[in-house]
Amino acid sequence: MRRSFARRVAGRVLASGAALVLGGCGQSPITPARIEPALEATFANLVELQVSRLRLPPIAAPDFAVTAICRKQLAGANAGAGDWTCSLVWQGPNRQTLRDTYDLFVATDGCYTATVTGESLGGPILKASDGSDVRNLLYTFEGCFDTM
């Protein structure tokens, strides 16, 4: 009788532990639906600031009309922390359509680091209209989004 009682208690403890562990394993809040709008806003604000730093005619952030499309680099997954690739389509000066691709590393807290792939946005340093060197704010940048 003692053995059956001990087995029942052990079974309940294991079942309770499994429920606690599995209950915490829900859908990740890190999804394209959260990353994309955060990346769009951060990128547009940085372009606006960069235009000013390059001493070019001002353009407001909403005028860049940035659209992001993001996917997780791990095949078969499209949620969770880790490596992501995001394509940005945006309107540059004179309303020309531009496309750039960023590699993102997204942490579990919703903060990310974005690094442009290729040379479409120049290197880490750009030349302003007056010839001075200016850090390229679009080359690598960081941002965060709400995971709640």
C-alpha atoms as a PDB file:
ATOM      1  CA  MET A   1       0.000   0.000   0.000  1.00  0.00           C
ATOM      2  CA  ARG A   2       2.845   2.342   0.739  1.00  0.00           C
ATOM      3  CA  ARG A   3       4.280   1.727  -2.715  1.00  0.00           C
ATOM      4  CA  SER A   4       1.072   2.587  -4.539  1.00  0.00           C
ATOM      5  CA  PHE A   5       0.700   5.778  -2.486  1.00  0.00           C
ATOM      6  CA  ALA A   6       4.310   6.750  -3.214  1.00  0.00           C
ATOM      7  CA  ARG A   7       3.772   6.046  -6.932  1.00  0.00           C
ATOM      8  CA  ARG A   8       0.622   8.197  -7.013  1.00  0.00           C
ATOM      9  CA  VAL A   9       2.402  11.073  -5.272  1.00  0.00           C
ATOM     10  CA  ALA A  10       5.391  10.757  -7.598  1.00  0.00           C
ATOM     11  CA  GLY A  11       3.066  10.622 -10.623  1.00  0.00           C
ATOM     12  CA  ARG A  12       1.228  13.753  -9.506  1.00  0.00           C
ATOM     13  CA  VAL A  13       4.487  15.607  -8.865  1.00  0.00           C
ATOM     14  CA  LEU A  14       5.735  14.679 -12.340  1.00  0.00           C
ATOM     15  CA  ALA A  15       2.437  15.634 -13.964  1.00  0.00           C
ATOM     16  CA  SER A  16       2.384  18.970 -12.128  1.00  0.00           C
ATOM     17  CA  GLY A  17       5.981  19.693 -13.112  1.00  0.00           C
ATOM     18  CA  ALA A  18       5.277  18.840 -16.742  1.00  0.00           C
ATOM     19  CA  ALA A  19       2.216  21.103 -16.759  1.00  0.00           C
ATOM     20  CA  LEU A  20       4.267  23.991 -15.384  1.00  0.00           C
ATOM     21  CA  VAL A  21       7.022  23.503 -17.947  1.00  0.00           C
ATOM     22  CA  LEU A  22       4.664  23.094 -20.892  1.00  0.00           C
ATOM     23  CA  GLY A  23       2.432  25.936 -19.752  1.00  0.00           C
ATOM     24  CA  GLY A  24       5.360  28.323 -20.115  1.00  0.00           C
ATOM     25  CA  CYS A  25       6.052  27.184 -23.684  1.00  0.00           C
ATOM     26  CA  GLY A  26       3.461  29.163 -25.592  1.00  0.00           C
ATOM     27  CA  GLN A  27       3.763  30.962 -28.915  1.00  0.00           C
ATOM     28  CA  SER A  28       6.724  33.354 -29.033  1.00  0.00           C
ATOM     29  CA  PRO A  29       5.812  37.056 -29.086  1.00  0.00           C
ATOM     30  CA  ILE A  30       8.700  37.626 -31.498  1.00  0.00           C
ATOM     31  CA  THR A  31       6.929  37.526 -34.849  1.00  0.00           C
ATOM     32  CA  PRO A  32       7.048  39.416 -38.143  1.00  0.00           C
ATOM     33  CA  ALA A  33       3.914  41.309 -37.053  1.00  0.00           C
ATOM     34  CA  ARG A  34       5.899  42.841 -34.171  1.00  0.00           C
ATOM     35  CA  ILE A  35       9.313  43.183 -35.794  1.00  0.00           C
ATOM     36  CA  GLU A  36       8.186  44.816 -39.048  1.00  0.00           C
ATOM     37  CA  PRO A  37       6.427  47.943 -37.699  1.00  0.00           C
ATOM     38  CA  ALA A  38       9.219  48.543 -35.185  1.00  0.00           C
ATOM     39  CA  LEU A  39      11.870  48.248 -37.886  1.00  0.00           C
ATOM     40  CA  GLU A  40       9.896  50.492 -40.260  1.00  0.00           C
ATOM     41  CA  ALA A  41       9.581  53.290 -37.690  1.00  0.00           C
ATOM     42  CA  THR A  42      13.192  53.077 -36.513  1.00  0.00           C
ATOM     43  CA  PHE A  43      14.535  53.029 -40.071  1.00  0.00           C
ATOM     44  CA  ALA A  44      12.383  55.992 -41.195  1.00  0.00           C
ATOM     45  CA  ASN A  45      13.449  58.056 -38.169  1.00  0.00           C
ATOM     46  CA  LEU A  46      17.101  57.257 -38.799  1.00  0.00           C
ATOM     47  CA  VAL A  47      16.821  58.185 -42.502  1.00  0.00           C
ATOM     48  CA  GLU A  48      15.286  61.530 -41.520  1.00  0.00           C
ATOM     49  CA  LEU A  49      18.143  62.159 -39.087  1.00  0.00           C
ATOM     50  CA  GLN A  50      20.767  61.020 -41.582  1.00  0.00           C
ATOM     51  CA  VAL A  51      19.430  63.341 -44.302  1.00  0.00           C
ATOM     52  CA  SER A  52      19.834  66.216 -41.854  1.00  0.00           C
ATOM     53  CA  ARG A  53      23.364  65.159 -40.870  1.00  0.00           C
ATOM     54  CA  LEU A  54      24.352  64.936 -44.535  1.00  0.00           C
ATOM     55  CA  ARG A  55      23.087  68.509 -44.944  1.00  0.00           C
ATOM     56  CA  LEU A  56      20.525  67.541 -47.575  1.00  0.00           C
ATOM     57  CA  PRO A  57      17.069  69.113 -47.965  1.00  0.00           C
ATOM     58  CA  PRO A  58      14.837  67.876 -45.119  1.00  0.00           C
ATOM     59  CA  ILE A  59      12.388  65.017 -45.595  1.00  0.00           C
ATOM     60  CA  ALA A  60       9.969  63.907 -42.840  1.00  0.00           C
ATOM     61  CA  ALA A  61      10.111  60.291 -41.636  1.00  0.00           C
ATOM     62  CA  PRO A  62       6.586  59.360 -42.889  1.00  0.00           C
ATOM     63  CA  ASP A  63       7.530  60.517 -46.412  1.00  0.00           C
ATOM     64  CA  PHE A  64       9.964  57.613 -46.716  1.00  0.00           C
ATOM     65  CA  ALA A  65       6.987  55.179 -46.712  1.00  0.00           C
ATOM     66  CA  VAL A  66       9.059  52.275 -45.369  1.00  0.00           C
ATOM     67  CA  THR A  67       7.672  48.751 -45.687  1.00  0.00           C
ATOM     68  CA  ALA A  68       9.458  45.811 -44.036  1.00  0.00           C
ATOM     69  CA  ILE A  69       9.057  42.120 -44.797  1.00  0.00           C
ATOM     70  CA  CYS A  70      10.838  39.887 -42.285  1.00  0.00           C
ATOM     71  CA  ARG A  71      11.416  36.150 -42.036  1.00  0.00           C
ATOM     72  CA  LYS A  72      13.322  33.999 -39.600  1.00  0.00           C
ATOM     73  CA  GLN A  73      16.460  32.494 -41.099  1.00  0.00           C
ATOM     74  CA  LEU A  74      15.809  29.106 -39.482  1.00  0.00           C
ATOM     75  CA  ALA A  75      13.854  26.995 -41.985  1.00  0.00           C
ATOM     76  CA  GLY A  76      10.345  26.112 -40.865  1.00  0.00           C
ATOM     77  CA  ALA A  77      10.187  28.738 -38.126  1.00  0.00           C
ATOM     78  CA  ASN A  78       8.804  32.245 -38.344  1.00  0.00           C
ATOM     79  CA  ALA A  79       8.775  33.222 -34.686  1.00  0.00           C
ATOM     80  CA  GLY A  80      11.235  33.484 -31.849  1.00  0.00           C
ATOM     81  CA  ALA A  81      14.526  35.092 -30.962  1.00  0.00           C
ATOM     82  CA  GLY A  82      17.547  34.613 -33.177  1.00  0.00           C
ATOM     83  CA  ASP A  83      18.561  35.495 -36.710  1.00  0.00           C
ATOM     84  CA  TRP A  84      16.096  37.177 -39.069  1.00  0.00           C
ATOM     85  CA  THR A  85      16.327  38.704 -42.533  1.00  0.00           C
ATOM     86  CA  CYS A  86      14.275  41.794 -43.347  1.00  0.00           C
ATOM     87  CA  SER A  87      13.781  43.421 -46.736  1.00  0.00           C
ATOM     88  CA  LEU A  88      12.933  47.121 -46.676  1.00  0.00           C
ATOM     89  CA  VAL A  89      11.219  48.905 -49.542  1.00  0.00           C
ATOM     90  CA  TRP A  90      11.185  52.690 -49.159  1.00  0.00           C
ATOM     91  CA  GLN A  91      10.914  55.954 -51.000  1.00  0.00           C
ATOM     92  CA  GLY A  92      14.165  57.871 -51.290  1.00  0.00           C
ATOM     93  CA  PRO A  93      14.699  61.442 -52.434  1.00  0.00           C
ATOM     94  CA  ASN A  94      12.802  62.256 -55.625  1.00  0.00           C
ATOM     95  CA  ARG A  95      10.339  59.456 -54.678  1.00  0.00           C
ATOM     96  CA  GLN A  96      12.459  56.696 -56.226  1.00  0.00           C
ATOM     97  CA  THR A  97      11.770  53.229 -54.820  1.00  0.00           C
ATOM     98  CA  LEU A  98      14.727  51.739 -52.950  1.00  0.00           C
ATOM     99  CA  ARG A  99      15.252  48.232 -51.594  1.00  0.00           C
ATOM    100  CA  ASP A 100      17.652  47.186 -48.863  1.00  0.00           C
ATOM    101  CA  THR A 101      18.119  43.976 -46.906  1.00  0.00           C
ATOM    102  CA  TYR A 102      19.110  43.756 -43.261  1.00  0.00           C
ATOM    103  CA  ASP A 103      20.282  40.877 -41.106  1.00  0.00           C
ATOM    104  CA  LEU A 104      18.719  41.180 -37.669  1.00  0.00           C
ATOM    105  CA  PHE A 105      19.623  39.464 -34.458  1.00  0.00           C
ATOM    106  CA  VAL A 106      16.563  39.620 -32.203  1.00  0.00           C
ATOM    107  CA  ALA A 107      16.958  38.913 -28.475  1.00  0.00           C
ATOM    108  CA  THR A 108      14.262  37.387 -26.262  1.00  0.00           C
ATOM    109  CA  ASP A 109      13.485  40.838 -24.784  1.00  0.00           C
ATOM    110  CA  GLY A 110      12.460  42.224 -28.211  1.00  0.00           C
ATOM    111  CA  CYS A 111      15.622  44.246 -28.796  1.00  0.00           C
ATOM    112  CA  TYR A 112      17.461  43.802 -32.073  1.00  0.00           C
ATOM    113  CA  THR A 113      20.597  44.766 -33.954  1.00  0.00           C
ATOM    114  CA  ALA A 114      20.172  45.382 -37.687  1.00  0.00           C
ATOM    115  CA  THR A 115      23.086  45.309 -40.148  1.00  0.00           C
ATOM    116  CA  VAL A 116      22.644  46.106 -43.825  1.00  0.00           C
ATOM    117  CA  THR A 117      23.782  43.465 -46.303  1.00  0.00           C
ATOM    118  CA  GLY A 118      25.648  44.661 -49.370  1.00  0.00           C
ATOM    119  CA  GLU A 119      26.818  48.150 -50.186  1.00  0.00           C
ATOM    120  CA  SER A 120      23.560  49.799 -51.289  1.00  0.00           C
ATOM    121  CA  LEU A 121      23.621  52.244 -48.366  1.00  0.00           C
ATOM    122  CA  GLY A 122      27.368  52.835 -48.437  1.00  0.00           C
ATOM    123  CA  GLY A 123      29.802  51.817 -45.754  1.00  0.00           C
ATOM    124  CA  PRO A 124      29.972  52.796 -42.105  1.00  0.00           C
ATOM    125  CA  ILE A 125      31.176  56.319 -43.009  1.00  0.00           C
ATOM    126  CA  LEU A 126      29.606  58.665 -45.580  1.00  0.00           C
ATOM    127  CA  LYS A 127      30.617  62.059 -46.991  1.00  0.00           C
ATOM    128  CA  ALA A 128      28.314  64.992 -46.250  1.00  0.00           C
ATOM    129  CA  SER A 129      27.584  67.613 -48.910  1.00  0.00           C
ATOM    130  CA  ASP A 130      30.278  69.824 -47.335  1.00  0.00           C
ATOM    131  CA  GLY A 131      32.879  67.021 -47.596  1.00  0.00           C
ATOM    132  CA  SER A 132      32.931  66.096 -43.915  1.00  0.00           C
ATOM    133  CA  ASP A 133      32.794  62.461 -42.768  1.00  0.00           C
ATOM    134  CA  VAL A 134      29.498  61.367 -41.210  1.00  0.00           C
ATOM    135  CA  ARG A 135      28.731  58.062 -39.489  1.00  0.00           C
ATOM    136  CA  ASN A 136      26.230  56.083 -41.566  1.00  0.00           C
ATOM    137  CA  LEU A 137      23.302  55.617 -39.165  1.00  0.00           C
ATOM    138  CA  LEU A 138      21.700  53.088 -41.540  1.00  0.00           C
ATOM    139  CA  TYR A 139      24.699  50.753 -41.735  1.00  0.00           C
ATOM    140  CA  THR A 140      24.112  49.154 -38.310  1.00  0.00           C
ATOM    141  CA  PHE A 141      21.510  50.206 -35.769  1.00  0.00           C
ATOM    142  CA  GLU A 142      19.551  48.916 -32.805  1.00  0.00           C
ATOM    143  CA  GLY A 143      15.940  49.045 -31.743  1.00  0.00           C
ATOM    144  CA  CYS A 144      13.368  47.343 -29.534  1.00  0.00           C
ATOM    145  CA  PHE A 145       9.692  46.405 -29.711  1.00  0.00           C
ATOM    146  CA  ASP A 146       7.096  45.393 -27.158  1.00  0.00           C
ATOM    147  CA  THR A 147       6.855  41.649 -26.533  1.00  0.00           C
ATOM    148  CA  MET A 148       3.769  41.832 -24.310  1.00  0.00           C
END
